[in-house]
N, C-alpha and C. Protein backbone atom coordinates (compact mmCIF):
# COMPACT_ATOMS: atom_id res chain seq x y z
N MET A 1 -28.81 -6.09 -13.81
CA MET A 1 -30.01 -5.43 -13.35
C MET A 1 -30.79 -4.99 -14.58
N GLN A 2 -32.06 -5.23 -14.57
CA GLN A 2 -32.93 -4.85 -15.68
C GLN A 2 -33.83 -3.67 -15.27
N VAL A 3 -34.09 -2.79 -16.23
CA VAL A 3 -35.03 -1.71 -16.01
C VAL A 3 -36.42 -2.27 -16.24
N THR A 4 -37.35 -1.98 -15.32
CA THR A 4 -38.71 -2.49 -15.44
C THR A 4 -39.33 -2.01 -16.75
N GLY A 5 -39.87 -2.93 -17.48
CA GLY A 5 -40.53 -2.60 -18.74
C GLY A 5 -39.55 -2.37 -19.88
N SER A 6 -38.32 -2.71 -19.69
CA SER A 6 -37.32 -2.49 -20.74
C SER A 6 -36.44 -3.72 -20.86
N GLY A 7 -35.96 -3.96 -22.02
CA GLY A 7 -35.05 -5.07 -22.23
C GLY A 7 -33.59 -4.64 -22.09
N ASN A 8 -33.35 -3.35 -21.78
CA ASN A 8 -31.98 -2.83 -21.67
C ASN A 8 -31.41 -3.07 -20.28
N ALA A 9 -30.18 -3.52 -20.23
CA ALA A 9 -29.50 -3.72 -18.95
C ALA A 9 -28.84 -2.41 -18.52
N ILE A 10 -28.76 -2.18 -17.21
CA ILE A 10 -28.13 -1.00 -16.65
C ILE A 10 -26.82 -1.41 -16.00
N ASN A 11 -25.80 -0.67 -16.26
CA ASN A 11 -24.51 -0.91 -15.62
C ASN A 11 -24.62 -0.41 -14.18
N PRO A 12 -24.48 -1.29 -13.18
CA PRO A 12 -24.62 -0.86 -11.79
C PRO A 12 -23.51 0.11 -11.36
N ARG A 13 -22.47 0.21 -12.14
CA ARG A 13 -21.39 1.15 -11.81
C ARG A 13 -21.42 2.40 -12.68
N ALA A 14 -22.48 2.63 -13.38
CA ALA A 14 -22.57 3.77 -14.30
C ALA A 14 -22.39 5.09 -13.57
N HIS A 15 -22.88 5.21 -12.34
CA HIS A 15 -22.73 6.45 -11.60
C HIS A 15 -21.26 6.74 -11.30
N LEU A 16 -20.44 5.71 -11.14
CA LEU A 16 -19.02 5.91 -10.89
C LEU A 16 -18.31 6.43 -12.12
N ILE A 17 -18.71 5.96 -13.26
CA ILE A 17 -18.11 6.40 -14.52
C ILE A 17 -18.37 7.89 -14.71
N ALA A 18 -19.54 8.36 -14.27
CA ALA A 18 -19.92 9.75 -14.46
C ALA A 18 -19.17 10.69 -13.51
N ILE A 19 -18.77 10.22 -12.32
CA ILE A 19 -18.15 11.13 -11.36
C ILE A 19 -16.63 11.05 -11.29
N ILE A 20 -16.04 9.98 -11.64
CA ILE A 20 -14.60 9.84 -11.55
C ILE A 20 -13.97 10.39 -12.83
N PRO A 21 -13.18 11.48 -12.69
CA PRO A 21 -12.57 12.06 -13.89
C PRO A 21 -11.43 11.20 -14.41
N GLU A 22 -11.11 11.41 -15.64
CA GLU A 22 -9.98 10.70 -16.24
C GLU A 22 -8.68 11.21 -15.60
N ILE A 23 -7.76 10.33 -15.31
CA ILE A 23 -6.49 10.71 -14.73
C ILE A 23 -5.53 11.05 -15.85
N VAL A 24 -4.92 12.22 -15.74
CA VAL A 24 -3.98 12.69 -16.75
C VAL A 24 -2.64 12.94 -16.07
N GLU A 25 -1.56 12.35 -16.60
CA GLU A 25 -0.23 12.59 -16.05
C GLU A 25 0.30 13.91 -16.59
N VAL A 26 0.94 14.67 -15.70
CA VAL A 26 1.45 15.99 -16.06
C VAL A 26 2.95 16.02 -15.80
N ASP A 27 3.72 16.48 -16.79
CA ASP A 27 5.16 16.60 -16.56
C ASP A 27 5.44 17.96 -15.91
N TYR A 28 6.71 18.15 -15.53
CA TYR A 28 7.12 19.35 -14.81
C TYR A 28 6.76 20.63 -15.55
N SER A 29 7.05 20.72 -16.84
CA SER A 29 6.79 21.96 -17.58
C SER A 29 5.30 22.27 -17.65
N ALA A 30 4.48 21.25 -17.83
CA ALA A 30 3.02 21.48 -17.83
C ALA A 30 2.55 21.89 -16.44
N GLY A 31 3.14 21.31 -15.40
CA GLY A 31 2.79 21.67 -14.03
C GLY A 31 3.09 23.12 -13.73
N VAL A 32 4.22 23.61 -14.23
CA VAL A 32 4.59 25.01 -14.05
C VAL A 32 3.55 25.91 -14.72
N GLU A 33 3.12 25.53 -15.91
CA GLU A 33 2.10 26.32 -16.63
C GLU A 33 0.77 26.31 -15.89
N ILE A 34 0.39 25.17 -15.34
CA ILE A 34 -0.87 25.06 -14.59
C ILE A 34 -0.82 25.96 -13.36
N LEU A 35 0.29 25.91 -12.61
CA LEU A 35 0.43 26.76 -11.42
C LEU A 35 0.43 28.23 -11.81
N ASP A 36 1.11 28.58 -12.89
CA ASP A 36 1.16 29.98 -13.34
C ASP A 36 -0.24 30.49 -13.68
N ARG A 37 -1.00 29.70 -14.42
CA ARG A 37 -2.37 30.12 -14.77
C ARG A 37 -3.23 30.30 -13.53
N ALA A 38 -3.12 29.39 -12.57
CA ALA A 38 -3.91 29.48 -11.35
C ALA A 38 -3.51 30.71 -10.54
N ALA A 39 -2.22 30.98 -10.42
CA ALA A 39 -1.75 32.15 -9.67
C ALA A 39 -2.23 33.44 -10.33
N ARG A 40 -2.18 33.49 -11.64
CA ARG A 40 -2.63 34.69 -12.36
C ARG A 40 -4.15 34.88 -12.19
N ARG A 41 -4.90 33.78 -12.29
CA ARG A 41 -6.36 33.85 -12.18
C ARG A 41 -6.80 34.21 -10.76
N LYS A 42 -6.23 33.58 -9.76
CA LYS A 42 -6.70 33.76 -8.39
C LYS A 42 -6.04 34.92 -7.65
N LEU A 43 -4.76 35.21 -7.98
CA LEU A 43 -4.03 36.22 -7.22
C LEU A 43 -3.51 37.39 -8.05
N GLY A 44 -3.58 37.26 -9.39
CA GLY A 44 -3.13 38.34 -10.25
C GLY A 44 -1.61 38.47 -10.34
N ILE A 45 -0.88 37.39 -10.03
CA ILE A 45 0.57 37.39 -10.12
C ILE A 45 1.04 36.14 -10.86
N SER A 46 2.30 36.16 -11.28
CA SER A 46 2.84 34.99 -11.98
C SER A 46 3.06 33.84 -11.01
N GLY A 47 3.22 32.66 -11.55
CA GLY A 47 3.51 31.50 -10.72
C GLY A 47 4.85 31.65 -10.02
N GLU A 48 5.82 32.21 -10.71
CA GLU A 48 7.15 32.44 -10.13
C GLU A 48 7.06 33.39 -8.93
N ASP A 49 6.30 34.48 -9.08
CA ASP A 49 6.11 35.42 -7.97
C ASP A 49 5.36 34.75 -6.81
N PHE A 50 4.37 33.92 -7.16
CA PHE A 50 3.63 33.23 -6.11
C PHE A 50 4.55 32.34 -5.28
N ILE A 51 5.40 31.56 -5.95
CA ILE A 51 6.30 30.65 -5.23
C ILE A 51 7.22 31.43 -4.31
N ALA A 52 7.76 32.55 -4.78
CA ALA A 52 8.65 33.36 -3.95
C ALA A 52 7.90 33.91 -2.73
N ARG A 53 6.69 34.40 -2.94
CA ARG A 53 5.90 34.94 -1.83
C ARG A 53 5.47 33.84 -0.87
N TRP A 54 5.10 32.70 -1.42
CA TRP A 54 4.68 31.57 -0.58
C TRP A 54 5.84 31.12 0.31
N ASP A 55 7.01 30.97 -0.29
CA ASP A 55 8.18 30.54 0.46
C ASP A 55 8.60 31.56 1.53
N ALA A 56 8.33 32.83 1.27
CA ALA A 56 8.66 33.88 2.23
C ALA A 56 7.61 34.01 3.34
N GLY A 57 6.51 33.26 3.22
CA GLY A 57 5.47 33.29 4.25
C GLY A 57 4.57 34.52 4.17
N GLU A 58 4.52 35.16 3.01
CA GLU A 58 3.73 36.39 2.88
C GLU A 58 2.22 36.18 2.97
N TYR A 59 1.75 34.98 2.81
CA TYR A 59 0.30 34.76 2.83
C TYR A 59 -0.23 34.34 4.19
N ASP A 60 0.62 34.13 5.16
CA ASP A 60 0.18 33.74 6.49
C ASP A 60 -0.71 34.82 7.09
N GLY A 61 -1.96 34.47 7.36
CA GLY A 61 -2.90 35.38 8.00
C GLY A 61 -3.45 36.47 7.12
N SER A 62 -3.11 36.49 5.85
CA SER A 62 -3.62 37.54 4.97
C SER A 62 -5.00 37.19 4.43
N GLU A 63 -5.67 38.20 3.89
CA GLU A 63 -6.99 37.98 3.30
C GLU A 63 -6.91 37.06 2.09
N GLU A 64 -5.76 37.06 1.42
CA GLU A 64 -5.57 36.24 0.23
C GLU A 64 -5.21 34.80 0.59
N HIS A 65 -5.14 34.49 1.88
CA HIS A 65 -4.67 33.18 2.33
C HIS A 65 -5.44 32.02 1.68
N VAL A 66 -6.75 32.10 1.62
CA VAL A 66 -7.55 31.01 1.06
C VAL A 66 -7.20 30.81 -0.42
N LYS A 67 -7.12 31.89 -1.17
CA LYS A 67 -6.76 31.78 -2.59
C LYS A 67 -5.34 31.23 -2.74
N ALA A 68 -4.44 31.68 -1.87
CA ALA A 68 -3.06 31.21 -1.92
C ALA A 68 -2.99 29.72 -1.61
N GLU A 69 -3.78 29.26 -0.67
CA GLU A 69 -3.81 27.82 -0.34
C GLU A 69 -4.26 27.01 -1.56
N GLU A 70 -5.25 27.53 -2.29
CA GLU A 70 -5.73 26.82 -3.48
C GLU A 70 -4.62 26.71 -4.52
N VAL A 71 -3.86 27.77 -4.71
CA VAL A 71 -2.76 27.73 -5.67
C VAL A 71 -1.64 26.84 -5.14
N ALA A 72 -1.39 26.90 -3.84
CA ALA A 72 -0.30 26.11 -3.24
C ALA A 72 -0.52 24.61 -3.41
N MET A 73 -1.76 24.18 -3.54
CA MET A 73 -2.02 22.76 -3.76
C MET A 73 -1.41 22.27 -5.07
N LEU A 74 -1.09 23.19 -5.96
CA LEU A 74 -0.49 22.83 -7.25
C LEU A 74 1.03 22.77 -7.21
N LEU A 75 1.64 23.17 -6.10
CA LEU A 75 3.11 23.18 -6.00
C LEU A 75 3.77 21.85 -6.33
N PRO A 76 3.21 20.71 -5.92
CA PRO A 76 3.86 19.44 -6.27
C PRO A 76 3.98 19.20 -7.77
N PHE A 77 3.16 19.87 -8.56
CA PHE A 77 3.22 19.71 -10.01
C PHE A 77 4.27 20.63 -10.64
N ALA A 78 4.72 21.64 -9.88
CA ALA A 78 5.56 22.67 -10.46
C ALA A 78 7.01 22.69 -9.97
N ARG A 79 7.33 21.90 -8.97
CA ARG A 79 8.71 21.87 -8.51
C ARG A 79 9.04 20.54 -7.85
N PRO A 80 10.32 20.25 -7.72
CA PRO A 80 10.72 18.96 -7.14
C PRO A 80 10.12 18.74 -5.75
N GLU A 81 9.94 17.47 -5.41
CA GLU A 81 9.30 17.09 -4.15
C GLU A 81 9.89 17.74 -2.92
N GLU A 82 11.19 17.82 -2.82
CA GLU A 82 11.82 18.36 -1.61
C GLU A 82 11.44 19.81 -1.37
N GLY A 83 11.12 20.56 -2.41
CA GLY A 83 10.82 21.98 -2.25
C GLY A 83 9.35 22.29 -2.15
N ASN A 84 8.49 21.31 -2.03
CA ASN A 84 7.05 21.59 -2.03
C ASN A 84 6.57 22.26 -0.77
N ALA A 85 7.10 21.88 0.38
CA ALA A 85 6.65 22.46 1.64
C ALA A 85 7.51 23.67 1.98
N ARG A 86 6.90 24.60 2.67
CA ARG A 86 7.62 25.77 3.14
C ARG A 86 8.59 25.40 4.20
């Protein structure tokens, strides 16, 4: 595809390059750090405390539920697959 009045070609997929982020693989220890930072930022507690409270069902119906759900999305990065769901 050519731009009118220009000799420069446009990449028809350029918009995809701009919106699709680079995929980065994360190991378990980095995942734990990511979850810890998110729990501290959103809920003011450590990642370890968040996991214990999440597993105990403390966020069901609470005002913090939405923030807790956002942090819970990071659980697969921080613990083995079998323990991700409550």
